[in-house]
Structures are given as C-alpha cells and as structure tokens.
Amino acid sequence: QRDALIVRSTIDLAHSLGLKVTAEGVETATTFQLLAAMGCDAIQGFHTGRPMAPAALESWLAERAVVAA
C-alpha cells in the first residue's frame, strides 16, 4: 500500500510538471497493469523484453510493428 502511494504520487507529480513517466525494472504483467492504472506513460524491463543484440532488436521491433498495425 505504501509503495503504491509513493509510485502514484511520483507519477502525479511528474504529470503536474508536464513530464512523461517511464517506469524501469518492470518484470511482470501484474506490475505493468498496476502502473498503467496509475497513469504511467511507458515501461521498460524484462516484461517487455530482455537485453538483446541490435539485429535481434530490429527483428523484435518489426514483429511488434506488424501486430500494432
């Protein structure tokens, strides 16, 4: 509860200053969903992808562009 309050307050503060918020270290779908519900603008972490070589990143991005279209 306390952690969630700190995160929500941080997101709200950033938004009130006109900033976008990116959460780092997001490893699970549950965490992603909680952050999205709190208004977090973007995430990065193992939930979206593991570290990869540039060529693998190009393929990964291309696959997601097709899905998003």
C-alpha atoms as a PDB file:
ATOM      1  CA  GLN A   1       0.000   0.000   0.000  1.00  0.00           C
ATOM      2  CA  ARG A   2       2.701   2.451   0.982  1.00  0.00           C
ATOM      3  CA  ASP A   3       4.809   1.656  -2.090  1.00  0.00           C
ATOM      4  CA  ALA A   4       1.775   2.138  -4.338  1.00  0.00           C
ATOM      5  CA  LEU A   5       1.110   5.521  -2.746  1.00  0.00           C
ATOM      6  CA  ILE A   6       4.691   6.635  -3.395  1.00  0.00           C
ATOM      7  CA  VAL A   7       4.543   5.480  -7.015  1.00  0.00           C
ATOM      8  CA  ARG A   8       1.177   7.128  -7.669  1.00  0.00           C
ATOM      9  CA  SER A   9       2.369  10.376  -6.038  1.00  0.00           C
ATOM     10  CA  THR A  10       5.519  10.370  -8.154  1.00  0.00           C
ATOM     11  CA  ILE A  11       3.515   9.837 -11.348  1.00  0.00           C
ATOM     12  CA  ASP A  12       1.062  12.586 -10.389  1.00  0.00           C
ATOM     13  CA  LEU A  13       3.888  15.000  -9.560  1.00  0.00           C
ATOM     14  CA  ALA A  14       5.627  14.371 -12.866  1.00  0.00           C
ATOM     15  CA  HIS A  15       2.404  14.834 -14.808  1.00  0.00           C
ATOM     16  CA  SER A  16       1.621  18.071 -12.953  1.00  0.00           C
ATOM     17  CA  LEU A  17       5.032  19.317 -14.124  1.00  0.00           C
ATOM     18  CA  GLY A  18       4.224  18.362 -17.714  1.00  0.00           C
ATOM     19  CA  LEU A  19       6.561  15.377 -17.752  1.00  0.00           C
ATOM     20  CA  LYS A  20       6.086  11.850 -19.088  1.00  0.00           C
ATOM     21  CA  VAL A  21       6.848   8.940 -16.760  1.00  0.00           C
ATOM     22  CA  THR A  22       8.774   5.775 -17.662  1.00  0.00           C
ATOM     23  CA  ALA A  23       8.960   3.005 -15.075  1.00  0.00           C
ATOM     24  CA  GLU A  24      12.135   0.916 -15.101  1.00  0.00           C
ATOM     25  CA  GLY A  25      12.531  -2.668 -13.975  1.00  0.00           C
ATOM     26  CA  VAL A  26       9.015  -3.834 -14.829  1.00  0.00           C
ATOM     27  CA  GLU A  27       9.208  -7.623 -14.801  1.00  0.00           C
ATOM     28  CA  THR A  28       5.603  -8.864 -14.648  1.00  0.00           C
ATOM     29  CA  ALA A  29       2.256  -8.275 -16.323  1.00  0.00           C
ATOM     30  CA  THR A  30       0.765  -7.511 -12.905  1.00  0.00           C
ATOM     31  CA  THR A  31       3.229  -4.691 -12.291  1.00  0.00           C
ATOM     32  CA  PHE A  32       2.621  -3.382 -15.797  1.00  0.00           C
ATOM     33  CA  GLN A  33      -1.144  -3.350 -15.225  1.00  0.00           C
ATOM     34  CA  LEU A  34      -0.799  -1.570 -11.882  1.00  0.00           C
ATOM     35  CA  LEU A  35       1.448   1.096 -13.399  1.00  0.00           C
ATOM     36  CA  ALA A  36      -0.906   1.568 -16.351  1.00  0.00           C
ATOM     37  CA  ALA A  37      -3.839   2.010 -13.943  1.00  0.00           C
ATOM     38  CA  MET A  38      -1.828   4.676 -12.110  1.00  0.00           C
ATOM     39  CA  GLY A  39      -1.235   6.574 -15.358  1.00  0.00           C
ATOM     40  CA  CYS A  40       2.380   5.631 -16.040  1.00  0.00           C
ATOM     41  CA  ASP A  41       3.207   6.608 -19.636  1.00  0.00           C
ATOM     42  CA  ALA A  42       5.766   3.935 -20.541  1.00  0.00           C
ATOM     43  CA  ILE A  43       7.646   0.998 -19.096  1.00  0.00           C
ATOM     44  CA  GLN A  44      10.888  -0.815 -19.648  1.00  0.00           C
ATOM     45  CA  GLY A  45      12.113  -4.052 -18.209  1.00  0.00           C
ATOM     46  CA  PHE A  46      12.070  -7.800 -18.638  1.00  0.00           C
ATOM     47  CA  HIS A  47       8.294  -7.801 -19.084  1.00  0.00           C
ATOM     48  CA  THR A  48       8.694  -6.152 -22.490  1.00  0.00           C
ATOM     49  CA  GLY A  49      11.994  -7.754 -23.465  1.00  0.00           C
ATOM     50  CA  ARG A  50      15.353  -8.998 -22.338  1.00  0.00           C
ATOM     51  CA  PRO A  51      18.601  -7.307 -23.393  1.00  0.00           C
ATOM     52  CA  MET A  52      19.409  -8.211 -27.000  1.00  0.00           C
ATOM     53  CA  ALA A  53      21.826  -7.546 -29.822  1.00  0.00           C
ATOM     54  CA  PRO A  54      20.981  -4.756 -32.290  1.00  0.00           C
ATOM     55  CA  ALA A  55      19.988  -7.201 -35.062  1.00  0.00           C
ATOM     56  CA  ALA A  56      17.641  -9.030 -32.702  1.00  0.00           C
ATOM     57  CA  LEU A  57      16.150  -5.701 -31.629  1.00  0.00           C
ATOM     58  CA  GLU A  58      15.382  -4.805 -35.246  1.00  0.00           C
ATOM     59  CA  SER A  59      13.501  -8.091 -35.695  1.00  0.00           C
ATOM     60  CA  TRP A  60      11.710  -7.660 -32.364  1.00  0.00           C
ATOM     61  CA  LEU A  61      10.559  -4.150 -33.327  1.00  0.00           C
ATOM     62  CA  ALA A  62       9.478  -5.264 -36.800  1.00  0.00           C
ATOM     63  CA  GLU A  63       7.329  -8.066 -35.320  1.00  0.00           C
ATOM     64  CA  ARG A  64       5.597  -5.629 -32.996  1.00  0.00           C
ATOM     65  CA  ALA A  65       5.011  -3.081 -35.757  1.00  0.00           C
ATOM     66  CA  VAL A  66       3.021  -5.687 -37.675  1.00  0.00           C
ATOM     67  CA  VAL A  67       0.980  -6.589 -34.583  1.00  0.00           C
ATOM     68  CA  ALA A  68       0.289  -2.911 -33.824  1.00  0.00           C
ATOM     69  CA  ALA A  69      -0.833  -2.162 -37.392  1.00  0.00           C
END
